[in-house]
Each structure stands twice: as C-alpha cells, then as structure tokens.
Amino acid sequence: PKKSDLYYDLVDIYLKQNQYDKALATLDNIDTIFGKDEAVATT
C-alpha cells in the first residue's frame, strides 16, 4: 500500500477503461495517503 506508483498505474488503467468512479476513488486515496498533489488535481 505504500508504493505510490501503483496508484498512478491503476488510475491510468481505470481511465483507459472509462471507469471514472474507480479512478476518482484511487485519486482520493493518493490525496489521503501521500498528500495533495497538483498532478492529481489536474487528473
């Protein structure tokens, strides 16, 4: 759970499959675990 790359990889996978809710939930996890981030906000 501490490997930040995995979260970003999953967001990419979800976006390719148009699974926007899963992508958003994963972005929320990134914010919670690693703090707010401009790339996350943009995505």
ModelCIF file with pLDDT and N, C-alpha, C, O atoms, coordinates in Angstrom:
data_MODEL
#
_entry.id   MODEL 
#
_entity.id                         1 
_entity.type                       polymer 
_entity.pdbx_number_of_molecules   1 
#
_entity_poly.entity_id                      1 
_entity_poly.type                           'polypeptide(L)' 
_entity_poly.nstd_linkage                   no 
_entity_poly.nstd_monomer                   no 
_entity_poly.pdbx_seq_one_letter_code       PKKSDLYYDLVDIYLKQNQYDKALATLDNIDTIFGKDEAVATT 
_entity_poly.pdbx_seq_one_letter_code_can   PKKSDLYYDLVDIYLKQNQYDKALATLDNIDTIFGKDEAVATT 
_entity_poly.pdbx_strand_id                 A 
#
loop_
_entity_poly_seq.entity_id 
_entity_poly_seq.num 
_entity_poly_seq.mon_id 
_entity_poly_seq.hetero 
1 1  PRO n 
1 2  LYS n 
1 3  LYS n 
1 4  SER n 
1 5  ASP n 
1 6  LEU n 
1 7  TYR n 
1 8  TYR n 
1 9  ASP n 
1 10 LEU n 
1 11 VAL n 
1 12 ASP n 
1 13 ILE n 
1 14 TYR n 
1 15 LEU n 
1 16 LYS n 
1 17 GLN n 
1 18 ASN n 
1 19 GLN n 
1 20 TYR n 
1 21 ASP n 
1 22 LYS n 
1 23 ALA n 
1 24 LEU n 
1 25 ALA n 
1 26 THR n 
1 27 LEU n 
1 28 ASP n 
1 29 ASN n 
1 30 ILE n 
1 31 ASP n 
1 32 THR n 
1 33 ILE n 
1 34 PHE n 
1 35 GLY n 
1 36 LYS n 
1 37 ASP n 
1 38 GLU n 
1 39 ALA n 
1 40 VAL n 
1 41 ALA n 
1 42 THR n 
1 43 THR n 
#
_struct_asym.id          A 
_struct_asym.entity_id   1 
#
loop_
_ma_qa_metric.id 
_ma_qa_metric.mode 
_ma_qa_metric.name 
_ma_qa_metric.software_group_id 
_ma_qa_metric.type 
1 global pLDDT . pLDDT 
2 local  pLDDT . pLDDT 
#
_ma_qa_metric_global.metric_id      1 
_ma_qa_metric_global.metric_value   88.42 
_ma_qa_metric_global.model_id       1 
_ma_qa_metric_global.ordinal_id     1 
#
loop_
_ma_qa_metric_local.label_asym_id 
_ma_qa_metric_local.label_comp_id 
_ma_qa_metric_local.label_seq_id 
_ma_qa_metric_local.metric_id 
_ma_qa_metric_local.metric_value 
_ma_qa_metric_local.model_id 
_ma_qa_metric_local.ordinal_id 
A PRO 1  2 88.00 1 1  
A LYS 2  2 87.00 1 2  
A LYS 3  2 89.00 1 3  
A SER 4  2 86.00 1 4  
A ASP 5  2 88.00 1 5  
A LEU 6  2 90.00 1 6  
A TYR 7  2 91.00 1 7  
A TYR 8  2 89.00 1 8  
A ASP 9  2 90.00 1 9  
A LEU 10 2 91.00 1 10 
A VAL 11 2 91.00 1 11 
A ASP 12 2 90.00 1 12 
A ILE 13 2 90.00 1 13 
A TYR 14 2 92.00 1 14 
A LEU 15 2 90.00 1 15 
A LYS 16 2 88.00 1 16 
A GLN 17 2 87.00 1 17 
A ASN 18 2 89.00 1 18 
A GLN 19 2 90.00 1 19 
A TYR 20 2 91.00 1 20 
A ASP 21 2 91.00 1 21 
A LYS 22 2 92.00 1 22 
A ALA 23 2 92.00 1 23 
A LEU 24 2 91.00 1 24 
A ALA 25 2 92.00 1 25 
A THR 26 2 90.00 1 26 
A LEU 27 2 91.00 1 27 
A ASP 28 2 91.00 1 28 
A ASN 29 2 89.00 1 29 
A ILE 30 2 88.00 1 30 
A ASP 31 2 89.00 1 31 
A THR 32 2 87.00 1 32 
A ILE 33 2 86.00 1 33 
A PHE 34 2 86.00 1 34 
A GLY 35 2 85.00 1 35 
A LYS 36 2 84.00 1 36 
A ASP 37 2 79.00 1 37 
A GLU 38 2 85.00 1 38 
A ALA 39 2 83.00 1 39 
A VAL 40 2 85.00 1 40 
A ALA 41 2 86.00 1 41 
A THR 42 2 87.00 1 42 
A THR 43 2 86.00 1 43 
#
loop_
_atom_site.group_PDB 
_atom_site.id 
_atom_site.type_symbol 
_atom_site.label_atom_id 
_atom_site.label_alt_id 
_atom_site.label_comp_id 
_atom_site.label_asym_id 
_atom_site.label_entity_id 
_atom_site.label_seq_id 
_atom_site.pdbx_PDB_ins_code 
_atom_site.Cartn_x 
_atom_site.Cartn_y 
_atom_site.Cartn_z 
_atom_site.occupancy 
_atom_site.B_iso_or_equiv 
_atom_site.pdbx_formal_charge 
_atom_site.auth_seq_id 
_atom_site.auth_comp_id 
_atom_site.auth_asym_id 
_atom_site.auth_atom_id 
_atom_site.pdbx_PDB_model_num 
ATOM 1   N N  . PRO A 1 1  ? 0.797   -1.238 0.000   1.00 88.00 ? 1  PRO A N  1 
ATOM 2   C CA . PRO A 1 1  ? 0.000   0.000  0.000   1.00 88.00 ? 1  PRO A CA 1 
ATOM 3   C C  . PRO A 1 1  ? 0.829   1.287  0.000   1.00 88.00 ? 1  PRO A C  1 
ATOM 4   O O  . PRO A 1 1  ? 0.273   2.360  -0.236  1.00 88.00 ? 1  PRO A O  1 
ATOM 5   N N  . LYS A 1 2  ? 2.118   1.219  0.253   1.00 87.00 ? 2  LYS A N  1 
ATOM 6   C CA . LYS A 1 2  ? 2.951   2.433  0.303   1.00 87.00 ? 2  LYS A CA 1 
ATOM 7   C C  . LYS A 1 2  ? 3.617   2.742  -1.035  1.00 87.00 ? 2  LYS A C  1 
ATOM 8   O O  . LYS A 1 2  ? 4.317   3.748  -1.149  1.00 87.00 ? 2  LYS A O  1 
ATOM 9   N N  . LYS A 1 3  ? 3.416   1.898  -2.050  1.00 89.00 ? 3  LYS A N  1 
ATOM 10  C CA . LYS A 1 3  ? 4.050   2.117  -3.351  1.00 89.00 ? 3  LYS A CA 1 
ATOM 11  C C  . LYS A 1 3  ? 3.191   3.071  -4.183  1.00 89.00 ? 3  LYS A C  1 
ATOM 12  O O  . LYS A 1 3  ? 2.190   2.659  -4.770  1.00 89.00 ? 3  LYS A O  1 
ATOM 13  N N  . SER A 1 4  ? 3.580   4.325  -4.230  1.00 86.00 ? 4  SER A N  1 
ATOM 14  C CA . SER A 1 4  ? 2.742   5.335  -4.894  1.00 86.00 ? 4  SER A CA 1 
ATOM 15  C C  . SER A 1 4  ? 2.566   5.063  -6.389  1.00 86.00 ? 4  SER A C  1 
ATOM 16  O O  . SER A 1 4  ? 1.512   5.372  -6.945  1.00 86.00 ? 4  SER A O  1 
ATOM 17  N N  . ASP A 1 5  ? 3.576   4.490  -7.050  1.00 88.00 ? 5  ASP A N  1 
ATOM 18  C CA . ASP A 1 5  ? 3.471   4.206  -8.494  1.00 88.00 ? 5  ASP A CA 1 
ATOM 19  C C  . ASP A 1 5  ? 2.231   3.387  -8.812  1.00 88.00 ? 5  ASP A C  1 
ATOM 20  O O  . ASP A 1 5  ? 1.572   3.609  -9.827  1.00 88.00 ? 5  ASP A O  1 
ATOM 21  N N  . LEU A 1 6  ? 1.922   2.445  -7.944  1.00 90.00 ? 6  LEU A N  1 
ATOM 22  C CA . LEU A 1 6  ? 0.787   1.551  -8.180  1.00 90.00 ? 6  LEU A CA 1 
ATOM 23  C C  . LEU A 1 6  ? -0.515  2.319  -8.313  1.00 90.00 ? 6  LEU A C  1 
ATOM 24  O O  . LEU A 1 6  ? -1.354  1.992  -9.152  1.00 90.00 ? 6  LEU A O  1 
ATOM 25  N N  . TYR A 1 7  ? -0.682  3.341  -7.485  1.00 91.00 ? 7  TYR A N  1 
ATOM 26  C CA . TYR A 1 7  ? -1.915  4.130  -7.531  1.00 91.00 ? 7  TYR A CA 1 
ATOM 27  C C  . TYR A 1 7  ? -2.043  4.814  -8.893  1.00 91.00 ? 7  TYR A C  1 
ATOM 28  O O  . TYR A 1 7  ? -3.112  4.823  -9.504  1.00 91.00 ? 7  TYR A O  1 
ATOM 29  N N  . TYR A 1 8  ? -0.936  5.380  -9.350  1.00 89.00 ? 8  TYR A N  1 
ATOM 30  C CA . TYR A 1 8  ? -0.959  6.082  -10.638 1.00 89.00 ? 8  TYR A CA 1 
ATOM 31  C C  . TYR A 1 8  ? -1.180  5.102  -11.793 1.00 89.00 ? 8  TYR A C  1 
ATOM 32  O O  . TYR A 1 8  ? -1.896  5.407  -12.746 1.00 89.00 ? 8  TYR A O  1 
ATOM 33  N N  . ASP A 1 9  ? -0.549  3.908  -11.695 1.00 90.00 ? 9  ASP A N  1 
ATOM 34  C CA . ASP A 1 9  ? -0.764  2.883  -12.723 1.00 90.00 ? 9  ASP A CA 1 
ATOM 35  C C  . ASP A 1 9  ? -2.232  2.497  -12.783 1.00 90.00 ? 9  ASP A C  1 
ATOM 36  O O  . ASP A 1 9  ? -2.806  2.363  -13.863 1.00 90.00 ? 9  ASP A O  1 
ATOM 37  N N  . LEU A 1 10 ? -2.838  2.318  -11.606 1.00 91.00 ? 10 LEU A N  1 
ATOM 38  C CA . LEU A 1 10 ? -4.253  1.940  -11.559 1.00 91.00 ? 10 LEU A CA 1 
ATOM 39  C C  . LEU A 1 10 ? -5.147  3.035  -12.125 1.00 91.00 ? 10 LEU A C  1 
ATOM 40  O O  . LEU A 1 10 ? -6.103  2.748  -12.846 1.00 91.00 ? 10 LEU A O  1 
ATOM 41  N N  . VAL A 1 11 ? -4.840  4.287  -11.802 1.00 91.00 ? 11 VAL A N  1 
ATOM 42  C CA . VAL A 1 11 ? -5.629  5.401  -12.354 1.00 91.00 ? 11 VAL A CA 1 
ATOM 43  C C  . VAL A 1 11 ? -5.587  5.335  -13.882 1.00 91.00 ? 11 VAL A C  1 
ATOM 44  O O  . VAL A 1 11 ? -6.618  5.482  -14.538 1.00 91.00 ? 11 VAL A O  1 
ATOM 45  N N  . ASP A 1 12 ? -4.391  5.114  -14.450 1.00 90.00 ? 12 ASP A N  1 
ATOM 46  C CA . ASP A 1 12 ? -4.257  5.009  -15.914 1.00 90.00 ? 12 ASP A CA 1 
ATOM 47  C C  . ASP A 1 12 ? -5.113  3.879  -16.470 1.00 90.00 ? 12 ASP A C  1 
ATOM 48  O O  . ASP A 1 12 ? -5.814  4.042  -17.469 1.00 90.00 ? 12 ASP A O  1 
ATOM 49  N N  . ILE A 1 13 ? -5.041  2.723  -15.797 1.00 90.00 ? 13 ILE A N  1 
ATOM 50  C CA . ILE A 1 13 ? -5.810  1.562  -16.253 1.00 90.00 ? 13 ILE A CA 1 
ATOM 51  C C  . ILE A 1 13 ? -7.299  1.861  -16.207 1.00 90.00 ? 13 ILE A C  1 
ATOM 52  O O  . ILE A 1 13 ? -8.022  1.560  -17.157 1.00 90.00 ? 13 ILE A O  1 
ATOM 53  N N  . TYR A 1 14 ? -7.767  2.454  -15.102 1.00 92.00 ? 14 TYR A N  1 
ATOM 54  C CA . TYR A 1 14 ? -9.185  2.785  -14.970 1.00 92.00 ? 14 TYR A CA 1 
ATOM 55  C C  . TYR A 1 14 ? -9.608  3.783  -16.048 1.00 92.00 ? 14 TYR A C  1 
ATOM 56  O O  . TYR A 1 14 ? -10.683 3.648  -16.634 1.00 92.00 ? 14 TYR A O  1 
ATOM 57  N N  . LEU A 1 15 ? -8.770  4.778  -16.309 1.00 90.00 ? 15 LEU A N  1 
ATOM 58  C CA . LEU A 1 15 ? -9.129  5.790  -17.310 1.00 90.00 ? 15 LEU A CA 1 
ATOM 59  C C  . LEU A 1 15 ? -9.236  5.165  -18.700 1.00 90.00 ? 15 LEU A C  1 
ATOM 60  O O  . LEU A 1 15 ? -10.140 5.508  -19.463 1.00 90.00 ? 15 LEU A O  1 
ATOM 61  N N  . LYS A 1 16 ? -8.313  4.243  -19.039 1.00 88.00 ? 16 LYS A N  1 
ATOM 62  C CA . LYS A 1 16 ? -8.365  3.584  -20.348 1.00 88.00 ? 16 LYS A CA 1 
ATOM 63  C C  . LYS A 1 16 ? -9.669  2.809  -20.510 1.00 88.00 ? 16 LYS A C  1 
ATOM 64  O O  . LYS A 1 16 ? -10.156 2.627  -21.626 1.00 88.00 ? 16 LYS A O  1 
ATOM 65  N N  . GLN A 1 17 ? -10.230 2.356  -19.394 1.00 87.00 ? 17 GLN A N  1 
ATOM 66  C CA . GLN A 1 17 ? -11.467 1.567  -19.442 1.00 87.00 ? 17 GLN A CA 1 
ATOM 67  C C  . GLN A 1 17 ? -12.694 2.424  -19.131 1.00 87.00 ? 17 GLN A C  1 
ATOM 68  O O  . GLN A 1 17 ? -13.791 1.899  -18.941 1.00 87.00 ? 17 GLN A O  1 
ATOM 69  N N  . ASN A 1 18 ? -12.503 3.748  -19.082 1.00 89.00 ? 18 ASN A N  1 
ATOM 70  C CA . ASN A 1 18 ? -13.594 4.686  -18.768 1.00 89.00 ? 18 ASN A CA 1 
ATOM 71  C C  . ASN A 1 18 ? -14.254 4.387  -17.422 1.00 89.00 ? 18 ASN A C  1 
ATOM 72  O O  . ASN A 1 18 ? -15.446 4.638  -17.240 1.00 89.00 ? 18 ASN A O  1 
ATOM 73  N N  . GLN A 1 19 ? -13.476 3.850  -16.481 1.00 90.00 ? 19 GLN A N  1 
ATOM 74  C CA . GLN A 1 19 ? -14.000 3.584  -15.129 1.00 90.00 ? 19 GLN A CA 1 
ATOM 75  C C  . GLN A 1 19 ? -13.665 4.796  -14.252 1.00 90.00 ? 19 GLN A C  1 
ATOM 76  O O  . GLN A 1 19 ? -12.790 4.751  -13.387 1.00 90.00 ? 19 GLN A O  1 
ATOM 77  N N  . TYR A 1 20 ? -14.404 5.880  -14.517 1.00 91.00 ? 20 TYR A N  1 
ATOM 78  C CA . TYR A 1 20 ? -14.064 7.168  -13.893 1.00 91.00 ? 20 TYR A CA 1 
ATOM 79  C C  . TYR A 1 20 ? -14.247 7.159  -12.377 1.00 91.00 ? 20 TYR A C  1 
ATOM 80  O O  . TYR A 1 20 ? -13.462 7.772  -11.653 1.00 91.00 ? 20 TYR A O  1 
ATOM 81  N N  . ASP A 1 21 ? -15.284 6.462  -11.893 1.00 91.00 ? 21 ASP A N  1 
ATOM 82  C CA . ASP A 1 21 ? -15.518 6.447  -10.441 1.00 91.00 ? 21 ASP A CA 1 
ATOM 83  C C  . ASP A 1 21 ? -14.368 5.752  -9.711  1.00 91.00 ? 21 ASP A C  1 
ATOM 84  O O  . ASP A 1 21 ? -13.918 6.213  -8.662  1.00 91.00 ? 21 ASP A O  1 
ATOM 85  N N  . LYS A 1 22 ? -13.897 4.634  -10.280 1.00 92.00 ? 22 LYS A N  1 
ATOM 86  C CA . LYS A 1 22 ? -12.756 3.932  -9.680  1.00 92.00 ? 22 LYS A CA 1 
ATOM 87  C C  . LYS A 1 22 ? -11.506 4.820  -9.723  1.00 92.00 ? 22 LYS A C  1 
ATOM 88  O O  . LYS A 1 22 ? -10.728 4.860  -8.770  1.00 92.00 ? 22 LYS A O  1 
ATOM 89  N N  . ALA A 1 23 ? -11.329 5.526  -10.835 1.00 92.00 ? 23 ALA A N  1 
ATOM 90  C CA . ALA A 1 23 ? -10.176 6.420  -10.973 1.00 92.00 ? 23 ALA A CA 1 
ATOM 91  C C  . ALA A 1 23 ? -10.232 7.517  -9.909  1.00 92.00 ? 23 ALA A C  1 
ATOM 92  O O  . ALA A 1 23 ? -9.227  7.823  -9.268  1.00 92.00 ? 23 ALA A O  1 
ATOM 93  N N  . LEU A 1 24 ? -11.410 8.100  -9.728  1.00 91.00 ? 24 LEU A N  1 
ATOM 94  C CA . LEU A 1 24 ? -11.574 9.173  -8.734  1.00 91.00 ? 24 LEU A CA 1 
ATOM 95  C C  . LEU A 1 24 ? -11.326 8.654  -7.315  1.00 91.00 ? 24 LEU A C  1 
ATOM 96  O O  . LEU A 1 24 ? -10.686 9.327  -6.507  1.00 91.00 ? 24 LEU A O  1 
ATOM 97  N N  . ALA A 1 25 ? -11.831 7.463  -7.019  1.00 92.00 ? 25 ALA A N  1 
ATOM 98  C CA . ALA A 1 25 ? -11.619 6.873  -5.689  1.00 92.00 ? 25 ALA A CA 1 
ATOM 99  C C  . ALA A 1 25 ? -10.127 6.652  -5.438  1.00 92.00 ? 25 ALA A C  1 
ATOM 100 O O  . ALA A 1 25 ? -9.635  6.872  -4.331  1.00 92.00 ? 25 ALA A O  1 
ATOM 101 N N  . THR A 1 26 ? -9.418  6.217  -6.473  1.00 90.00 ? 26 THR A N  1 
ATOM 102 C CA . THR A 1 26 ? -7.976  5.991  -6.343  1.00 90.00 ? 26 THR A CA 1 
ATOM 103 C C  . THR A 1 26 ? -7.246  7.313  -6.145  1.00 90.00 ? 26 THR A C  1 
ATOM 104 O O  . THR A 1 26 ? -6.297  7.389  -5.364  1.00 90.00 ? 26 THR A O  1 
ATOM 105 N N  . LEU A 1 27 ? -7.683  8.355  -6.847  1.00 91.00 ? 27 LEU A N  1 
ATOM 106 C CA . LEU A 1 27 ? -7.093  9.694  -6.660  1.00 91.00 ? 27 LEU A CA 1 
ATOM 107 C C  . LEU A 1 27 ? -7.316  10.177 -5.228  1.00 91.00 ? 27 LEU A C  1 
ATOM 108 O O  . LEU A 1 27 ? -6.433  10.789 -4.626  1.00 91.00 ? 27 LEU A O  1 
ATOM 109 N N  . ASP A 1 28 ? -8.515  9.894  -4.683  1.00 91.00 ? 28 ASP A N  1 
ATOM 110 C CA . ASP A 1 28 ? -8.797  10.257 -3.279  1.00 91.00 ? 28 ASP A CA 1 
ATOM 111 C C  . ASP A 1 28 ? -7.805  9.554  -2.350  1.00 91.00 ? 28 ASP A C  1 
ATOM 112 O O  . ASP A 1 28 ? -7.301  10.150 -1.398  1.00 91.00 ? 28 ASP A O  1 
ATOM 113 N N  . ASN A 1 29 ? -7.532  8.271  -2.640  1.00 89.00 ? 29 ASN A N  1 
ATOM 114 C CA . ASN A 1 29 ? -6.555  7.517  -1.834  1.00 89.00 ? 29 ASN A CA 1 
ATOM 115 C C  . ASN A 1 29 ? -5.175  8.162  -1.890  1.00 89.00 ? 29 ASN A C  1 
ATOM 116 O O  . ASN A 1 29 ? -4.485  8.259  -0.876  1.00 89.00 ? 29 ASN A O  1 
ATOM 117 N N  . ILE A 1 30 ? -4.779  8.602  -3.082  1.00 88.00 ? 30 ILE A N  1 
ATOM 118 C CA . ILE A 1 30 ? -3.474  9.251  -3.237  1.00 88.00 ? 30 ILE A CA 1 
ATOM 119 C C  . ILE A 1 30 ? -3.416  10.496 -2.350  1.00 88.00 ? 30 ILE A C  1 
ATOM 120 O O  . ILE A 1 30 ? -2.440  10.711 -1.632  1.00 88.00 ? 30 ILE A O  1 
ATOM 121 N N  . ASP A 1 31 ? -4.482  11.321 -2.408  1.00 89.00 ? 31 ASP A N  1 
ATOM 122 C CA . ASP A 1 31 ? -4.543  12.528 -1.571  1.00 89.00 ? 31 ASP A CA 1 
ATOM 123 C C  . ASP A 1 31 ? -4.434  12.178 -0.094  1.00 89.00 ? 31 ASP A C  1 
ATOM 124 O O  . ASP A 1 31 ? -3.694  12.818 0.654   1.00 89.00 ? 31 ASP A O  1 
ATOM 125 N N  . THR A 1 32 ? -5.181  11.155 0.320   1.00 87.00 ? 32 THR A N  1 
ATOM 126 C CA . THR A 1 32 ? -5.221  10.760 1.730   1.00 87.00 ? 32 THR A CA 1 
ATOM 127 C C  . THR A 1 32 ? -3.862  10.231 2.199   1.00 87.00 ? 32 THR A C  1 
ATOM 128 O O  . THR A 1 32 ? -3.371  10.613 3.261   1.00 87.00 ? 32 THR A O  1 
ATOM 129 N N  . ILE A 1 33 ? -3.268  9.357  1.402   1.00 86.00 ? 33 ILE A N  1 
ATOM 130 C CA . ILE A 1 33 ? -2.044  8.672  1.845   1.00 86.00 ? 33 ILE A CA 1 
ATOM 131 C C  . ILE A 1 33 ? -0.799  9.530  1.646   1.00 86.00 ? 33 ILE A C  1 
ATOM 132 O O  . ILE A 1 33 ? 0.075   9.579  2.512   1.00 86.00 ? 33 ILE A O  1 
ATOM 133 N N  . PHE A 1 34 ? -0.723  10.205 0.500   1.00 86.00 ? 34 PHE A N  1 
ATOM 134 C CA . PHE A 1 34 ? 0.523   10.892 0.135   1.00 86.00 ? 34 PHE A CA 1 
ATOM 135 C C  . PHE A 1 34 ? 0.409   12.414 0.170   1.00 86.00 ? 34 PHE A C  1 
ATOM 136 O O  . PHE A 1 34 ? 1.394   13.114 -0.065  1.00 86.00 ? 34 PHE A O  1 
ATOM 137 N N  . GLY A 1 35 ? -0.793  12.937 0.465   1.00 85.00 ? 35 GLY A N  1 
ATOM 138 C CA . GLY A 1 35 ? -0.973  14.382 0.487   1.00 85.00 ? 35 GLY A CA 1 
ATOM 139 C C  . GLY A 1 35 ? -1.445  14.913 -0.855  1.00 85.00 ? 35 GLY A C  1 
ATOM 140 O O  . GLY A 1 35 ? -1.365  14.226 -1.873  1.00 85.00 ? 35 GLY A O  1 
ATOM 141 N N  . LYS A 1 36 ? -1.937  16.142 -0.843  1.00 84.00 ? 36 LYS A N  1 
ATOM 142 C CA . LYS A 1 36 ? -2.455  16.766 -2.073  1.00 84.00 ? 36 LYS A CA 1 
ATOM 143 C C  . LYS A 1 36 ? -1.317  16.938 -3.068  1.00 84.00 ? 36 LYS A C  1 
ATOM 144 O O  . LYS A 1 36 ? -0.154  17.117 -2.705  1.00 84.00 ? 36 LYS A O  1 
ATOM 145 N N  . ASP A 1 37 ? -1.705  16.874 -4.346  1.00 79.00 ? 37 ASP A N  1 
ATOM 146 C CA . ASP A 1 37 ? -0.701  16.859 -5.403  1.00 79.00 ? 37 ASP A CA 1 
ATOM 147 C C  . ASP A 1 37 ? -1.318  17.517 -6.636  1.00 79.00 ? 37 ASP A C  1 
ATOM 148 O O  . ASP A 1 37 ? -2.477  17.262 -6.963  1.00 79.00 ? 37 ASP A O  1 
ATOM 149 N N  . GLU A 1 38 ? -0.554  18.351 -7.308  1.00 85.00 ? 38 GLU A N  1 
ATOM 150 C CA . GLU A 1 38 ? -1.098  19.102 -8.454  1.00 85.00 ? 38 GLU A CA 1 
ATOM 151 C C  . GLU A 1 38 ? -1.497  18.172 -9.599  1.00 85.00 ? 38 GLU A C  1 
ATOM 152 O O  . GLU A 1 38 ? -2.518  18.386 -10.252 1.00 85.00 ? 38 GLU A O  1 
ATOM 153 N N  . ALA A 1 39 ? -0.680  17.129 -9.840  1.00 83.00 ? 39 ALA A N  1 
ATOM 154 C CA . ALA A 1 39 ? -0.990  16.181 -10.923 1.00 83.00 ? 39 ALA A CA 1 
ATOM 155 C C  . ALA A 1 39 ? -2.321  15.485 -10.659 1.00 83.00 ? 39 ALA A C  1 
ATOM 156 O O  . ALA A 1 39 ? -3.104  15.256 -11.581 1.00 83.00 ? 39 ALA A O  1 
ATOM 157 N N  . VAL A 1 40 ? -2.570  15.151 -9.399  1.00 85.00 ? 40 VAL A N  1 
ATOM 158 C CA . VAL A 1 40 ? -3.828  14.500 -9.016  1.00 85.00 ? 40 VAL A CA 1 
ATOM 159 C C  . VAL A 1 40 ? -4.994  15.454 -9.261  1.00 85.00 ? 40 VAL A C  1 
ATOM 160 O O  . VAL A 1 40 ? -6.021  15.062 -9.816  1.00 85.00 ? 40 VAL A O  1 
ATOM 161 N N  . ALA A 1 41 ? -4.830  16.693 -8.848  1.00 86.00 ? 41 ALA A N  1 
ATOM 162 C CA . ALA A 1 41 ? -5.884  17.690 -9.044  1.00 86.00 ? 41 ALA A CA 1 
ATOM 163 C C  . ALA A 1 41 ? -6.188  17.867 -10.532 1.00 86.00 ? 41 ALA A C  1 
ATOM 164 O O  . ALA A 1 41 ? -7.353  17.950 -10.922 1.00 86.00 ? 41 ALA A O  1 
ATOM 165 N N  . THR A 1 42 ? -5.165  17.923 -11.346 1.00 87.00 ? 42 THR A N  1 
ATOM 166 C CA . THR A 1 42 ? -5.335  18.072 -12.801 1.00 87.00 ? 42 THR A CA 1 
ATOM 167 C C  . THR A 1 42 ? -6.085  16.879 -13.386 1.00 87.00 ? 42 THR A C  1 
ATOM 168 O O  . THR A 1 42 ? -7.005  17.043 -14.188 1.00 87.00 ? 42 THR A O  1 
ATOM 169 N N  . THR A 1 43 ? -5.682  15.677 -12.976 1.00 86.00 ? 43 THR A N  1 
ATOM 170 C CA . THR A 1 43 ? -6.339  14.467 -13.476 1.00 86.00 ? 43 THR A CA 1 
ATOM 171 C C  . THR A 1 43 ? -7.806  14.439 -13.065 1.00 86.00 ? 43 THR A C  1 
ATOM 172 O O  . THR A 1 43 ? -8.522  13.494 -13.397 1.00 86.00 ? 43 THR A O  1 
#
